[in-house]
Amino acid sequence: MRRLPRICPIDVSQHIIQRDNNRQICSGFQQDFFTYIGFFKEFSIQFSVNVHVWVLMSNHVHLLCTPRKALE
């Protein structure tokens, strides 16, 4: 069953966690982390989201983000 769309209010910070299945490693190399950070920069501009803080770990990622405008 698919998840329901999440509510994403403008100018309200949200804690986002992305995990892999069964605590498997999703980023094993330092270059993976640099690539992930590059995606943060690119997509935060494209989708008007401020990324305040991120924590990159081998099997999950924590983000604190604030949307600046509603998705269309």
PDB file of N, CA and C in Angstrom:
ATOM      1  N   MET A   1       0.835  -1.182   0.000  1.00  0.00           N
ATOM      2  CA  MET A   1       0.000   0.000   0.000  1.00  0.00           C
ATOM      3  C   MET A   1       0.877   1.241   0.000  1.00  0.00           C
ATOM      4  N   ARG A   2       0.535   2.185  -0.845  1.00  0.00           N
ATOM      5  CA  ARG A   2       1.296   3.434  -0.912  1.00  0.00           C
ATOM      6  C   ARG A   2       1.016   4.305   0.299  1.00  0.00           C
ATOM      7  N   ARG A   3       2.023   5.134   0.624  1.00  0.00           N
ATOM      8  CA  ARG A   3       1.813   6.122   1.684  1.00  0.00           C
ATOM      9  C   ARG A   3       0.941   7.252   1.172  1.00  0.00           C
ATOM     10  N   LEU A   4       0.204   7.848   2.066  1.00  0.00           N
ATOM     11  CA  LEU A   4      -0.563   9.038   1.723  1.00  0.00           C
ATOM     12  C   LEU A   4       0.392  10.211   1.544  1.00  0.00           C
ATOM     13  N   PRO A   5       0.029  11.173   0.698  1.00  0.00           N
ATOM     14  CA  PRO A   5       0.887  12.358   0.554  1.00  0.00           C
ATOM     15  C   PRO A   5       1.045  13.065   1.908  1.00  0.00           C
ATOM     16  N   ARG A   6       2.230  13.556   2.153  1.00  0.00           N
ATOM     17  CA  ARG A   6       2.497  14.234   3.423  1.00  0.00           C
ATOM     18  C   ARG A   6       2.125  15.714   3.337  1.00  0.00           C
ATOM     19  N   ILE A   7       1.693  16.241   4.448  1.00  0.00           N
ATOM     20  CA  ILE A   7       1.397  17.666   4.526  1.00  0.00           C
ATOM     21  C   ILE A   7       2.727  18.397   4.640  1.00  0.00           C
ATOM     22  N   CYS A   8       2.877  19.454   3.870  1.00  0.00           N
ATOM     23  CA  CYS A   8       4.151  20.158   3.799  1.00  0.00           C
ATOM     24  C   CYS A   8       3.897  21.664   3.891  1.00  0.00           C
ATOM     25  N   PRO A   9       3.575  22.182   5.093  1.00  0.00           N
ATOM     26  CA  PRO A   9       3.244  23.604   5.216  1.00  0.00           C
ATOM     27  C   PRO A   9       4.447  24.508   4.939  1.00  0.00           C
ATOM     28  N   ILE A  10       4.176  25.618   4.298  1.00  0.00           N
ATOM     29  CA  ILE A  10       5.221  26.586   3.960  1.00  0.00           C
ATOM     30  C   ILE A  10       5.767  27.214   5.236  1.00  0.00           C
ATOM     31  N   ASP A  11       7.071  27.426   5.280  1.00  0.00           N
ATOM     32  CA  ASP A  11       7.785  28.079   6.387  1.00  0.00           C
ATOM     33  C   ASP A  11       7.693  27.326   7.717  1.00  0.00           C
ATOM     34  N   VAL A  12       7.449  26.014   7.668  1.00  0.00           N
ATOM     35  CA  VAL A  12       7.464  25.184   8.874  1.00  0.00           C
ATOM     36  C   VAL A  12       8.560  24.138   8.687  1.00  0.00           C
ATOM     37  N   SER A  13       9.547  24.163   9.556  1.00  0.00           N
ATOM     38  CA  SER A  13      10.665  23.221   9.443  1.00  0.00           C
ATOM     39  C   SER A  13      10.201  21.798   9.710  1.00  0.00           C
ATOM     40  N   GLN A  14      10.827  20.857   8.994  1.00  0.00           N
ATOM     41  CA  GLN A  14      10.466  19.453   9.132  1.00  0.00           C
ATOM     42  C   GLN A  14      11.724  18.607   9.270  1.00  0.00           C
ATOM     43  N   HIS A  15      11.650  17.625  10.162  1.00  0.00           N
ATOM     44  CA  HIS A  15      12.737  16.665  10.337  1.00  0.00           C
ATOM     45  C   HIS A  15      12.431  15.485   9.424  1.00  0.00           C
ATOM     46  N   ILE A  16      13.335  15.209   8.504  1.00  0.00           N
ATOM     47  CA  ILE A  16      13.147  14.157   7.514  1.00  0.00           C
ATOM     48  C   ILE A  16      14.213  13.093   7.728  1.00  0.00           C
ATOM     49  N   ILE A  17      13.785  11.835   7.722  1.00  0.00           N
ATOM     50  CA  ILE A  17      14.713  10.724   7.863  1.00  0.00           C
ATOM     51  C   ILE A  17      14.547   9.824   6.648  1.00  0.00           C
ATOM     52  N   GLN A  18      15.653   9.457   6.047  1.00  0.00           N
ATOM     53  CA  GLN A  18      15.634   8.509   4.938  1.00  0.00           C
ATOM     54  C   GLN A  18      16.491   7.327   5.357  1.00  0.00           C
ATOM     55  N   ARG A  19      15.879   6.153   5.399  1.00  0.00           N
ATOM     56  CA  ARG A  19      16.583   4.948   5.822  1.00  0.00           C
ATOM     57  C   ARG A  19      16.550   3.905   4.717  1.00  0.00           C
ATOM     58  N   ASP A  20      17.526   3.019   4.739  1.00  0.00           N
ATOM     59  CA  ASP A  20      17.529   1.891   3.823  1.00  0.00           C
ATOM     60  C   ASP A  20      16.805   0.724   4.493  1.00  0.00           C
ATOM     61  N   ASN A  21      16.475  -0.294   3.726  1.00  0.00           N
ATOM     62  CA  ASN A  21      15.781  -1.468   4.264  1.00  0.00           C
ATOM     63  C   ASN A  21      16.695  -2.263   5.182  1.00  0.00           C
ATOM     64  N   ASN A  22      16.135  -2.700   6.306  1.00  0.00           N
ATOM     65  CA  ASN A  22      16.839  -3.589   7.240  1.00  0.00           C
ATOM     66  C   ASN A  22      18.207  -3.071   7.668  1.00  0.00           C
ATOM     67  N   ARG A  23      18.324  -1.771   7.792  1.00  0.00           N
ATOM     68  CA  ARG A  23      19.563  -1.126   8.235  1.00  0.00           C
ATOM     69  C   ARG A  23      20.763  -1.449   7.346  1.00  0.00           C
ATOM     70  N   GLN A  24      20.498  -1.702   6.072  1.00  0.00           N
ATOM     71  CA  GLN A  24      21.582  -1.954   5.139  1.00  0.00           C
ATOM     72  C   GLN A  24      22.342  -0.666   4.859  1.00  0.00           C
ATOM     73  N   ILE A  25      23.576  -0.779   4.448  1.00  0.00           N
ATOM     74  CA  ILE A  25      24.402   0.380   4.127  1.00  0.00           C
ATOM     75  C   ILE A  25      23.946   0.970   2.802  1.00  0.00           C
ATOM     76  N   CYS A  26      23.658   2.271   2.794  1.00  0.00           N
ATOM     77  CA  CYS A  26      23.260   2.945   1.555  1.00  0.00           C
ATOM     78  C   CYS A  26      24.365   3.870   1.055  1.00  0.00           C
ATOM     79  N   SER A  27      25.310   4.224   1.889  1.00  0.00           N
ATOM     80  CA  SER A  27      26.448   5.059   1.483  1.00  0.00           C
ATOM     81  C   SER A  27      27.710   4.471   2.105  1.00  0.00           C
ATOM     82  N   GLY A  28      28.503   3.820   1.283  1.00  0.00           N
ATOM     83  CA  GLY A  28      29.681   3.170   1.811  1.00  0.00           C
ATOM     84  C   GLY A  28      30.977   3.907   1.577  1.00  0.00           C
ATOM     85  N   PHE A  29      30.948   4.925   0.712  1.00  0.00           N
ATOM     86  CA  PHE A  29      32.175   5.624   0.350  1.00  0.00           C
ATOM     87  C   PHE A  29      32.018   7.118   0.577  1.00  0.00           C
ATOM     88  N   GLN A  30      33.127   7.782   0.820  1.00  0.00           N
ATOM     89  CA  GLN A  30      33.102   9.225   1.068  1.00  0.00           C
ATOM     90  C   GLN A  30      32.536   9.974  -0.138  1.00  0.00           C
ATOM     91  N   GLN A  31      32.810   9.509  -1.353  1.00  0.00           N
ATOM     92  CA  GLN A  31      32.294  10.163  -2.557  1.00  0.00           C
ATOM     93  C   GLN A  31      30.768  10.137  -2.593  1.00  0.00           C
ATOM     94  N   ASP A  32      30.142   9.092  -2.019  1.00  0.00           N
ATOM     95  CA  ASP A  32      28.682   9.027  -1.949  1.00  0.00           C
ATOM     96  C   ASP A  32      28.133  10.210  -1.154  1.00  0.00           C
ATOM     97  N   PHE A  33      28.798  10.562  -0.056  1.00  0.00           N
ATOM     98  CA  PHE A  33      28.349  11.674   0.773  1.00  0.00           C
ATOM     99  C   PHE A  33      28.466  13.000   0.023  1.00  0.00           C
ATOM    100  N   PHE A  34      29.562  13.190  -0.710  1.00  0.00           N
ATOM    101  CA  PHE A  34      29.725  14.425  -1.479  1.00  0.00           C
ATOM    102  C   PHE A  34      28.671  14.527  -2.577  1.00  0.00           C
ATOM    103  N   THR A  35      28.362  13.416  -3.200  1.00  0.00           N
ATOM    104  CA  THR A  35      27.312  13.402  -4.231  1.00  0.00           C
ATOM    105  C   THR A  35      25.966  13.749  -3.621  1.00  0.00           C
ATOM    106  N   TYR A  36      25.663  13.185  -2.467  1.00  0.00           N
ATOM    107  CA  TYR A  36      24.394  13.452  -1.773  1.00  0.00           C
ATOM    108  C   TYR A  36      24.272  14.937  -1.436  1.00  0.00           C
ATOM    109  N   ILE A  37      25.342  15.535  -0.945  1.00  0.00           N
ATOM    110  CA  ILE A  37      25.330  16.966  -0.618  1.00  0.00           C
ATOM    111  C   ILE A  37      25.114  17.799  -1.878  1.00  0.00           C
ATOM    112  N   GLY A  38      25.704  17.379  -2.983  1.00  0.00           N
ATOM    113  CA  GLY A  38      25.472  18.062  -4.259  1.00  0.00           C
ATOM    114  C   GLY A  38      24.008  18.021  -4.655  1.00  0.00           C
ATOM    115  N   PHE A  39      23.351  16.876  -4.410  1.00  0.00           N
ATOM    116  CA  PHE A  39      21.914  16.777  -4.688  1.00  0.00           C
ATOM    117  C   PHE A  39      21.130  17.733  -3.798  1.00  0.00           C
ATOM    118  N   PHE A  40      21.529  17.870  -2.516  1.00  0.00           N
ATOM    119  CA  PHE A  40      20.860  18.825  -1.627  1.00  0.00           C
ATOM    120  C   PHE A  40      20.872  20.217  -2.242  1.00  0.00           C
ATOM    121  N   LYS A  41      22.034  20.641  -2.674  1.00  0.00           N
ATOM    122  CA  LYS A  41      22.169  21.988  -3.234  1.00  0.00           C
ATOM    123  C   LYS A  41      21.312  22.154  -4.478  1.00  0.00           C
ATOM    124  N   GLU A  42      21.400  21.202  -5.391  1.00  0.00           N
ATOM    125  CA  GLU A  42      20.669  21.287  -6.657  1.00  0.00           C
ATOM    126  C   GLU A  42      19.154  21.275  -6.452  1.00  0.00           C
ATOM    127  N   PHE A  43      18.661  20.312  -5.682  1.00  0.00           N
ATOM    128  CA  PHE A  43      17.215  20.165  -5.540  1.00  0.00           C
ATOM    129  C   PHE A  43      16.611  21.165  -4.563  1.00  0.00           C
ATOM    130  N   SER A  44      17.388  21.691  -3.624  1.00  0.00           N
ATOM    131  CA  SER A  44      16.843  22.714  -2.733  1.00  0.00           C
ATOM    132  C   SER A  44      16.540  23.989  -3.517  1.00  0.00           C
ATOM    133  N   ILE A  45      17.358  24.284  -4.518  1.00  0.00           N
ATOM    134  CA  ILE A  45      17.097  25.441  -5.383  1.00  0.00           C
ATOM    135  C   ILE A  45      15.912  25.157  -6.291  1.00  0.00           C
ATOM    136  N   GLN A  46      15.905  23.971  -6.909  1.00  0.00           N
ATOM    137  CA  GLN A  46      14.844  23.613  -7.859  1.00  0.00           C
ATOM    138  C   GLN A  46      13.467  23.586  -7.202  1.00  0.00           C
ATOM    139  N   PHE A  47      13.379  23.098  -5.969  1.00  0.00           N
ATOM    140  CA  PHE A  47      12.086  22.944  -5.307  1.00  0.00           C
ATOM    141  C   PHE A  47      11.842  23.966  -4.205  1.00  0.00           C
ATOM    142  N   SER A  48      12.682  24.982  -4.096  1.00  0.00           N
ATOM    143  CA  SER A  48      12.529  26.073  -3.119  1.00  0.00           C
ATOM    144  C   SER A  48      12.406  25.559  -1.686  1.00  0.00           C
ATOM    145  N   VAL A  49      13.416  24.828  -1.260  1.00  0.00           N
ATOM    146  CA  VAL A  49      13.451  24.274   0.097  1.00  0.00           C
ATOM    147  C   VAL A  49      14.777  24.680   0.735  1.00  0.00           C
ATOM    148  N   ASN A  50      14.723  25.220   1.936  1.00  0.00           N
ATOM    149  CA  ASN A  50      15.947  25.498   2.690  1.00  0.00           C
ATOM    150  C   ASN A  50      16.362  24.229   3.421  1.00  0.00           C
ATOM    151  N   VAL A  51      17.598  23.803   3.213  1.00  0.00           N
ATOM    152  CA  VAL A  51      18.155  22.673   3.959  1.00  0.00           C
ATOM    153  C   VAL A  51      19.048  23.279   5.026  1.00  0.00           C
ATOM    154  N   HIS A  52      18.613  23.221   6.284  1.00  0.00           N
ATOM    155  CA  HIS A  52      19.340  23.868   7.376  1.00  0.00           C
ATOM    156  C   HIS A  52      20.487  23.004   7.891  1.00  0.00           C
ATOM    157  N   VAL A  53      20.184  21.734   8.126  1.00  0.00           N
ATOM    158  CA  VAL A  53      21.153  20.827   8.731  1.00  0.00           C
ATOM    159  C   VAL A  53      20.973  19.451   8.105  1.00  0.00           C
ATOM    160  N   TRP A  54      22.075  18.746   7.927  1.00  0.00           N
ATOM    161  CA  TRP A  54      21.987  17.358   7.499  1.00  0.00           C
ATOM    162  C   TRP A  54      22.988  16.536   8.280  1.00  0.00           C
ATOM    163  N   VAL A  55      22.637  15.282   8.498  1.00  0.00           N
ATOM    164  CA  VAL A  55      23.542  14.311   9.110  1.00  0.00           C
ATOM    165  C   VAL A  55      23.530  13.101   8.193  1.00  0.00           C
ATOM    166  N   LEU A  56      24.676  12.803   7.612  1.00  0.00           N
ATOM    167  CA  LEU A  56      24.800  11.674   6.706  1.00  0.00           C
ATOM    168  C   LEU A  56      25.480  10.533   7.444  1.00  0.00           C
ATOM    169  N   MET A  57      24.789   9.405   7.520  1.00  0.00           N
ATOM    170  CA  MET A  57      25.347   8.218   8.162  1.00  0.00           C
ATOM    171  C   MET A  57      25.345   7.095   7.135  1.00  0.00           C
ATOM    172  N   SER A  58      26.018   6.021   7.418  1.00  0.00           N
ATOM    173  CA  SER A  58      26.156   4.961   6.421  1.00  0.00           C
ATOM    174  C   SER A  58      24.826   4.310   6.053  1.00  0.00           C
ATOM    175  N   ASN A  59      23.882   4.245   6.992  1.00  0.00           N
ATOM    176  CA  ASN A  59      22.624   3.571   6.688  1.00  0.00           C
ATOM    177  C   ASN A  59      21.386   4.460   6.763  1.00  0.00           C
ATOM    178  N   HIS A  60      21.557   5.738   7.043  1.00  0.00           N
ATOM    179  CA  HIS A  60      20.418   6.653   7.024  1.00  0.00           C
ATOM    180  C   HIS A  60      20.888   8.108   6.986  1.00  0.00           C
ATOM    181  N   VAL A  61      19.912   8.987   6.717  1.00  0.00           N
ATOM    182  CA  VAL A  61      20.186  10.422   6.581  1.00  0.00           C
ATOM    183  C   VAL A  61      19.134  11.183   7.375  1.00  0.00           C
ATOM    184  N   HIS A  62      19.549  12.216   8.103  1.00  0.00           N
ATOM    185  CA  HIS A  62      18.634  13.130   8.784  1.00  0.00           C
ATOM    186  C   HIS A  62      18.744  14.496   8.118  1.00  0.00           C
ATOM    187  N   LEU A  63      17.605  15.140   7.879  1.00  0.00           N
ATOM    188  CA  LEU A  63      17.573  16.486   7.303  1.00  0.00           C
ATOM    189  C   LEU A  63      16.643  17.362   8.125  1.00  0.00           C
ATOM    190  N   LEU A  64      16.978  18.642   8.225  1.00  0.00           N
ATOM    191  CA  LEU A  64      16.053  19.629   8.758  1.00  0.00           C
ATOM    192  C   LEU A  64      15.835  20.629   7.630  1.00  0.00           C
ATOM    193  N   CYS A  65      14.616  20.628   7.088  1.00  0.00           N
ATOM    194  CA  CYS A  65      14.303  21.412   5.894  1.00  0.00           C
ATOM    195  C   CYS A  65      13.069  22.281   6.120  1.00  0.00           C
ATOM    196  N   THR A  66      13.012  23.387   5.386  1.00  0.00           N
ATOM    197  CA  THR A  66      11.853  24.280   5.412  1.00  0.00           C
ATOM    198  C   THR A  66      11.463  24.629   3.985  1.00  0.00           C
ATOM    199  N   PRO A  67      10.242  24.257   3.564  1.00  0.00           N
ATOM    200  CA  PRO A  67       9.784  24.638   2.227  1.00  0.00           C
ATOM    201  C   PRO A  67       9.489  26.136   2.165  1.00  0.00           C
ATOM    202  N   ARG A  68       9.885  26.791   1.057  1.00  0.00           N
ATOM    203  CA  ARG A  68       9.654  28.219   0.890  1.00  0.00           C
ATOM    204  C   ARG A  68       8.416  28.530   0.072  1.00  0.00           C
ATOM    205  N   LYS A  69       7.918  27.554  -0.699  1.00  0.00           N
ATOM    206  CA  LYS A  69       6.672  27.751  -1.459  1.00  0.00           C
ATOM    207  C   LYS A  69       5.990  26.412  -1.637  1.00  0.00           C
ATOM    208  N   ALA A  70       4.700  26.448  -1.954  1.00  0.00           N
ATOM    209  CA  ALA A  70       3.915  25.226  -2.117  1.00  0.00           C
ATOM    210  C   ALA A  70       4.313  24.528  -3.409  1.00  0.00           C
ATOM    211  N   LEU A  71       4.271  23.191  -3.356  1.00  0.00           N
ATOM    212  CA  LEU A  71       4.534  22.420  -4.571  1.00  0.00           C
ATOM    213  C   LEU A  71       3.381  22.587  -5.537  1.00  0.00           C
ATOM    214  N   GLU A  72       3.713  22.608  -6.798  1.00  0.00           N
ATOM    215  CA  GLU A  72       2.674  22.801  -7.810  1.00  0.00           C
ATOM    216  C   GLU A  72       2.340  21.506  -8.496  1.00  0.00           C
TER     217      GLU A  72
END
